[in-house]
């Protein structure tokens, strides 16, 4: 964890770790560089993972 990034995390500015990014089959996942919280990649960029899994109802 990087000290400067941890300060930014407290302000709500998280940045993903390039080394921990991986594709889990449906979305790209990573961890925050500073605090280690899980992150997911959306169309607008990387966001903290809310834990809500979105599924396509047509596939069910």
PDB file of N, CA and C in Angstrom:
ATOM      1  N   UNK A   1       0.842  -1.185   0.000  1.00  0.00           N
ATOM      2  CA  UNK A   1       0.000   0.000   0.000  1.00  0.00           C
ATOM      3  C   UNK A   1       0.882   1.242   0.000  1.00  0.00           C
ATOM      4  N   UNK A   2       0.489   2.197  -0.752  1.00  0.00           N
ATOM      5  CA  UNK A   2       1.269   3.421  -0.861  1.00  0.00           C
ATOM      6  C   UNK A   2       0.658   4.489   0.040  1.00  0.00           C
ATOM      7  N   UNK A   3       1.497   5.142   0.817  1.00  0.00           N
ATOM      8  CA  UNK A   3       1.042   6.106   1.814  1.00  0.00           C
ATOM      9  C   UNK A   3       0.293   7.277   1.194  1.00  0.00           C
ATOM     10  N   UNK A   4       0.811   7.827   0.108  1.00  0.00           N
ATOM     11  CA  UNK A   4       0.143   8.968  -0.532  1.00  0.00           C
ATOM     12  C   UNK A   4      -1.208   8.544  -1.083  1.00  0.00           C
ATOM     13  N   UNK A   5      -1.263   7.350  -1.699  1.00  0.00           N
ATOM     14  CA  UNK A   5      -2.529   6.873  -2.240  1.00  0.00           C
ATOM     15  C   UNK A   5      -3.521   6.592  -1.117  1.00  0.00           C
ATOM     16  N   UNK A   6      -3.060   6.097   0.023  1.00  0.00           N
ATOM     17  CA  UNK A   6      -3.950   5.851   1.155  1.00  0.00           C
ATOM     18  C   UNK A   6      -4.608   7.151   1.606  1.00  0.00           C
ATOM     19  N   UNK A   7      -3.864   8.252   1.592  1.00  0.00           N
ATOM     20  CA  UNK A   7      -4.435   9.557   1.914  1.00  0.00           C
ATOM     21  C   UNK A   7      -5.531   9.915   0.911  1.00  0.00           C
ATOM     22  N   UNK A   8      -5.285   9.644  -0.389  1.00  0.00           N
ATOM     23  CA  UNK A   8      -6.300   9.905  -1.409  1.00  0.00           C
ATOM     24  C   UNK A   8      -7.525   9.021  -1.217  1.00  0.00           C
ATOM     25  N   UNK A   9      -7.338   7.789  -0.760  1.00  0.00           N
ATOM     26  CA  UNK A   9      -8.465   6.884  -0.503  1.00  0.00           C
ATOM     27  C   UNK A   9      -9.388   7.467   0.567  1.00  0.00           C
ATOM     28  N   UNK A  10      -8.805   8.065   1.579  1.00  0.00           N
ATOM     29  CA  UNK A  10      -9.613   8.676   2.637  1.00  0.00           C
ATOM     30  C   UNK A  10     -10.444   9.826   2.092  1.00  0.00           C
ATOM     31  N   UNK A  11      -9.987  10.429   0.993  1.00  0.00           N
ATOM     32  CA  UNK A  11     -10.729  11.513   0.347  1.00  0.00           C
ATOM     33  C   UNK A  11     -11.675  10.984  -0.730  1.00  0.00           C
ATOM     34  N   UNK A  12     -11.713   9.657  -0.930  1.00  0.00           N
ATOM     35  CA  UNK A  12     -12.630   9.059  -1.898  1.00  0.00           C
ATOM     36  C   UNK A  12     -12.079   8.929  -3.303  1.00  0.00           C
ATOM     37  N   UNK A  13     -10.761   9.073  -3.457  1.00  0.00           N
ATOM     38  CA  UNK A  13     -10.142   8.970  -4.786  1.00  0.00           C
ATOM     39  C   UNK A  13      -9.305   7.699  -4.851  1.00  0.00           C
ATOM     40  N   UNK A  14      -9.917   6.619  -5.302  1.00  0.00           N
ATOM     41  CA  UNK A  14      -9.256   5.322  -5.379  1.00  0.00           C
ATOM     42  C   UNK A  14      -8.663   5.112  -6.768  1.00  0.00           C
ATOM     43  N   UNK A  15      -7.536   4.404  -6.833  1.00  0.00           N
ATOM     44  CA  UNK A  15      -6.888   4.064  -8.103  1.00  0.00           C
ATOM     45  C   UNK A  15      -6.564   2.581  -8.080  1.00  0.00           C
ATOM     46  N   UNK A  16      -6.786   1.909  -9.200  1.00  0.00           N
ATOM     47  CA  UNK A  16      -6.585   0.464  -9.247  1.00  0.00           C
ATOM     48  C   UNK A  16      -5.109   0.096  -9.276  1.00  0.00           C
ATOM     49  N   UNK A  17      -4.833  -1.101  -8.816  1.00  0.00           N
ATOM     50  CA  UNK A  17      -3.494  -1.662  -8.895  1.00  0.00           C
ATOM     51  C   UNK A  17      -3.369  -2.413 -10.209  1.00  0.00           C
ATOM     52  N   UNK A  18      -2.411  -2.045 -11.029  1.00  0.00           N
ATOM     53  CA  UNK A  18      -2.245  -2.703 -12.333  1.00  0.00           C
ATOM     54  C   UNK A  18      -1.835  -4.160 -12.170  1.00  0.00           C
ATOM     55  N   UNK A  19      -1.065  -4.460 -11.162  1.00  0.00           N
ATOM     56  CA  UNK A  19      -0.570  -5.819 -10.959  1.00  0.00           C
ATOM     57  C   UNK A  19      -1.630  -6.808 -10.525  1.00  0.00           C
ATOM     58  N   UNK A  20      -2.719  -6.329  -9.928  1.00  0.00           N
ATOM     59  CA  UNK A  20      -3.750  -7.252  -9.449  1.00  0.00           C
ATOM     60  C   UNK A  20      -4.974  -7.290 -10.355  1.00  0.00           C
ATOM     61  N   UNK A  21      -4.943  -6.613 -11.494  1.00  0.00           N
ATOM     62  CA  UNK A  21      -6.083  -6.616 -12.418  1.00  0.00           C
ATOM     63  C   UNK A  21      -6.198  -7.973 -13.101  1.00  0.00           C
ATOM     64  N   UNK A  22      -7.431  -8.493 -13.172  1.00  0.00           N
ATOM     65  CA  UNK A  22      -7.673  -9.761 -13.848  1.00  0.00           C
ATOM     66  C   UNK A  22      -9.099  -9.801 -14.382  1.00  0.00           C
ATOM     67  N   UNK A  23      -9.323 -10.670 -15.344  1.00  0.00           N
ATOM     68  CA  UNK A  23     -10.632 -10.848 -15.969  1.00  0.00           C
ATOM     69  C   UNK A  23     -11.272 -12.078 -15.346  1.00  0.00           C
ATOM     70  N   UNK A  24     -12.434 -11.905 -14.697  1.00  0.00           N
ATOM     71  CA  UNK A  24     -13.090 -13.059 -14.078  1.00  0.00           C
ATOM     72  C   UNK A  24     -14.143 -13.688 -14.993  1.00  0.00           C
ATOM     73  N   UNK A  25     -14.149 -13.315 -16.244  1.00  0.00           N
ATOM     74  CA  UNK A  25     -15.081 -13.894 -17.205  1.00  0.00           C
ATOM     75  C   UNK A  25     -16.195 -12.952 -17.595  1.00  0.00           C
ATOM     76  N   UNK A  26     -16.679 -12.153 -16.658  1.00  0.00           N
ATOM     77  CA  UNK A  26     -17.758 -11.220 -16.978  1.00  0.00           C
ATOM     78  C   UNK A  26     -17.326  -9.761 -16.848  1.00  0.00           C
ATOM     79  N   UNK A  27     -16.441  -9.479 -15.908  1.00  0.00           N
ATOM     80  CA  UNK A  27     -15.946  -8.114 -15.704  1.00  0.00           C
ATOM     81  C   UNK A  27     -14.462  -8.156 -15.348  1.00  0.00           C
ATOM     82  N   UNK A  28     -13.818  -7.008 -15.484  1.00  0.00           N
ATOM     83  CA  UNK A  28     -12.429  -6.867 -15.041  1.00  0.00           C
ATOM     84  C   UNK A  28     -12.441  -6.475 -13.567  1.00  0.00           C
ATOM     85  N   UNK A  29     -11.570  -7.085 -12.790  1.00  0.00           N
ATOM     86  CA  UNK A  29     -11.491  -6.806 -11.359  1.00  0.00           C
ATOM     87  C   UNK A  29     -10.062  -6.445 -10.984  1.00  0.00           C
ATOM     88  N   UNK A  30      -9.932  -5.657  -9.920  1.00  0.00           N
ATOM     89  CA  UNK A  30      -8.628  -5.278  -9.405  1.00  0.00           C
ATOM     90  C   UNK A  30      -8.798  -4.875  -7.948  1.00  0.00           C
ATOM     91  N   UNK A  31      -7.745  -4.342  -7.352  1.00  0.00           N
ATOM     92  CA  UNK A  31      -7.785  -3.822  -5.989  1.00  0.00           C
ATOM     93  C   UNK A  31      -7.299  -2.388  -6.020  1.00  0.00           C
ATOM     94  N   UNK A  32      -7.719  -1.614  -5.034  1.00  0.00           N
ATOM     95  CA  UNK A  32      -7.236  -0.242  -4.905  1.00  0.00           C
ATOM     96  C   UNK A  32      -5.768  -0.278  -4.486  1.00  0.00           C
ATOM     97  N   UNK A  33      -4.972   0.595  -5.082  1.00  0.00           N
ATOM     98  CA  UNK A  33      -3.546   0.680  -4.784  1.00  0.00           C
ATOM     99  C   UNK A  33      -3.276   1.064  -3.336  1.00  0.00           C
ATOM    100  N   UNK A  34      -4.127   1.903  -2.762  1.00  0.00           N
ATOM    101  CA  UNK A  34      -3.873   2.415  -1.420  1.00  0.00           C
ATOM    102  C   UNK A  34      -4.466   1.588  -0.304  1.00  0.00           C
ATOM    103  N   UNK A  35      -5.779   1.292  -0.403  1.00  0.00           N
ATOM    104  CA  UNK A  35      -6.464   0.628   0.704  1.00  0.00           C
ATOM    105  C   UNK A  35      -6.756  -0.846   0.454  1.00  0.00           C
ATOM    106  N   UNK A  36      -6.606  -1.319  -0.781  1.00  0.00           N
ATOM    107  CA  UNK A  36      -6.815  -2.731  -1.077  1.00  0.00           C
ATOM    108  C   UNK A  36      -8.257  -3.140  -1.273  1.00  0.00           C
ATOM    109  N   UNK A  37      -9.186  -2.180  -1.316  1.00  0.00           N
ATOM    110  CA  UNK A  37     -10.593  -2.516  -1.524  1.00  0.00           C
ATOM    111  C   UNK A  37     -10.800  -3.023  -2.948  1.00  0.00           C
ATOM    112  N   UNK A  38     -11.735  -3.977  -3.139  1.00  0.00           N
ATOM    113  CA  UNK A  38     -11.973  -4.501  -4.484  1.00  0.00           C
ATOM    114  C   UNK A  38     -12.593  -3.456  -5.404  1.00  0.00           C
ATOM    115  N   UNK A  39     -12.169  -3.493  -6.674  1.00  0.00           N
ATOM    116  CA  UNK A  39     -12.670  -2.564  -7.680  1.00  0.00           C
ATOM    117  C   UNK A  39     -13.096  -3.343  -8.918  1.00  0.00           C
ATOM    118  N   UNK A  40     -14.048  -2.794  -9.669  1.00  0.00           N
ATOM    119  CA  UNK A  40     -14.493  -3.386 -10.930  1.00  0.00           C
ATOM    120  C   UNK A  40     -14.448  -2.318 -12.010  1.00  0.00           C
ATOM    121  N   UNK A  41     -14.267  -2.771 -13.253  1.00  0.00           N
ATOM    122  CA  UNK A  41     -14.213  -1.826 -14.372  1.00  0.00           C
ATOM    123  C   UNK A  41     -15.577  -1.736 -15.025  1.00  0.00           C
ATOM    124  N   UNK A  42     -16.105  -0.525 -15.082  1.00  0.00           N
ATOM    125  CA  UNK A  42     -17.367  -0.238 -15.753  1.00  0.00           C
ATOM    126  C   UNK A  42     -17.056   0.569 -17.001  1.00  0.00           C
ATOM    127  N   UNK A  43     -18.070   0.896 -17.758  1.00  0.00           N
ATOM    128  CA  UNK A  43     -17.862   1.664 -18.983  1.00  0.00           C
ATOM    129  C   UNK A  43     -17.242   3.025 -18.691  1.00  0.00           C
ATOM    130  N   UNK A  44     -17.527   3.597 -17.538  1.00  0.00           N
ATOM    131  CA  UNK A  44     -17.004   4.909 -17.185  1.00  0.00           C
ATOM    132  C   UNK A  44     -15.643   4.874 -16.523  1.00  0.00           C
ATOM    133  N   UNK A  45     -15.096   3.693 -16.296  1.00  0.00           N
ATOM    134  CA  UNK A  45     -13.795   3.567 -15.647  1.00  0.00           C
ATOM    135  C   UNK A  45     -13.860   2.628 -14.455  1.00  0.00           C
ATOM    136  N   UNK A  46     -12.854   2.673 -13.619  1.00  0.00           N
ATOM    137  CA  UNK A  46     -12.765   1.801 -12.454  1.00  0.00           C
ATOM    138  C   UNK A  46     -13.511   2.416 -11.278  1.00  0.00           C
ATOM    139  N   UNK A  47     -14.327   1.599 -10.608  1.00  0.00           N
ATOM    140  CA  UNK A  47     -15.117   2.024  -9.450  1.00  0.00           C
ATOM    141  C   UNK A  47     -14.953   0.995  -8.343  1.00  0.00           C
ATOM    142  N   UNK A  48     -15.212   1.398  -7.102  1.00  0.00           N
ATOM    143  CA  UNK A  48     -15.213   0.443  -6.001  1.00  0.00           C
ATOM    144  C   UNK A  48     -16.318  -0.573  -6.228  1.00  0.00           C
ATOM    145  N   UNK A  49     -16.053  -1.820  -5.888  1.00  0.00           N
ATOM    146  CA  UNK A  49     -17.026  -2.894  -6.065  1.00  0.00           C
ATOM    147  C   UNK A  49     -18.104  -2.753  -4.995  1.00  0.00           C
ATOM    148  N   UNK A  50     -19.349  -2.599  -5.437  1.00  0.00           N
ATOM    149  CA  UNK A  50     -20.461  -2.445  -4.500  1.00  0.00           C
ATOM    150  C   UNK A  50     -20.946  -3.787  -3.981  1.00  0.00           C
ATOM    151  N   UNK A  51     -20.484  -4.883  -4.572  1.00  0.00           N
ATOM    152  CA  UNK A  51     -20.904  -6.208  -4.142  1.00  0.00           C
ATOM    153  C   UNK A  51     -22.178  -6.677  -4.803  1.00  0.00           C
ATOM    154  N   UNK A  52     -22.800  -5.826  -5.599  1.00  0.00           N
ATOM    155  CA  UNK A  52     -24.031  -6.180  -6.291  1.00  0.00           C
ATOM    156  C   UNK A  52     -23.659  -6.769  -7.645  1.00  0.00           C
ATOM    157  N   UNK A  53     -24.110  -7.987  -7.888  1.00  0.00           N
ATOM    158  CA  UNK A  53     -23.824  -8.645  -9.158  1.00  0.00           C
ATOM    159  C   UNK A  53     -24.989  -8.396 -10.088  1.00  0.00           C
ATOM    160  N   UNK A  54     -24.719  -7.759 -11.231  1.00  0.00           N
ATOM    161  CA  UNK A  54     -25.762  -7.491 -12.214  1.00  0.00           C
ATOM    162  C   UNK A  54     -25.788  -8.633 -13.213  1.00  0.00           C
ATOM    163  N   UNK A  55     -26.967  -9.202 -13.435  1.00  0.00           N
ATOM    164  CA  UNK A  55     -27.101 -10.284 -14.403  1.00  0.00           C
ATOM    165  C   UNK A  55     -28.092  -9.885 -15.471  1.00  0.00           C
ATOM    166  N   UNK A  56     -27.947 -10.464 -16.617  1.00  0.00           N
ATOM    167  CA  UNK A  56     -28.866 -10.235 -17.721  1.00  0.00           C
ATOM    168  C   UNK A  56     -30.039 -11.190 -17.545  1.00  0.00           C
ATOM    169  N   UNK A  57     -31.246 -10.672 -17.377  1.00  0.00           N
ATOM    170  CA  UNK A  57     -32.418 -11.513 -17.120  1.00  0.00           C
ATOM    171  C   UNK A  57     -32.739 -12.420 -18.301  1.00  0.00           C
ATOM    172  N   UNK A  58     -32.301 -12.060 -19.501  1.00  0.00           N
ATOM    173  CA  UNK A  58     -32.562 -12.896 -20.673  1.00  0.00           C
ATOM    174  C   UNK A  58     -31.753 -14.191 -20.620  1.00  0.00           C
ATOM    175  N   UNK A  59     -30.631 -14.177 -19.914  1.00  0.00           N
ATOM    176  CA  UNK A  59     -29.797 -15.370 -19.818  1.00  0.00           C
ATOM    177  C   UNK A  59     -30.302 -16.341 -18.767  1.00  0.00           C
ATOM    178  N   UNK A  60     -31.169 -15.890 -17.869  1.00  0.00           N
ATOM    179  CA  UNK A  60     -31.653 -16.752 -16.782  1.00  0.00           C
ATOM    180  C   UNK A  60     -32.697 -17.691 -17.211  1.00  0.00           C
TER     181      UNK A  60
END
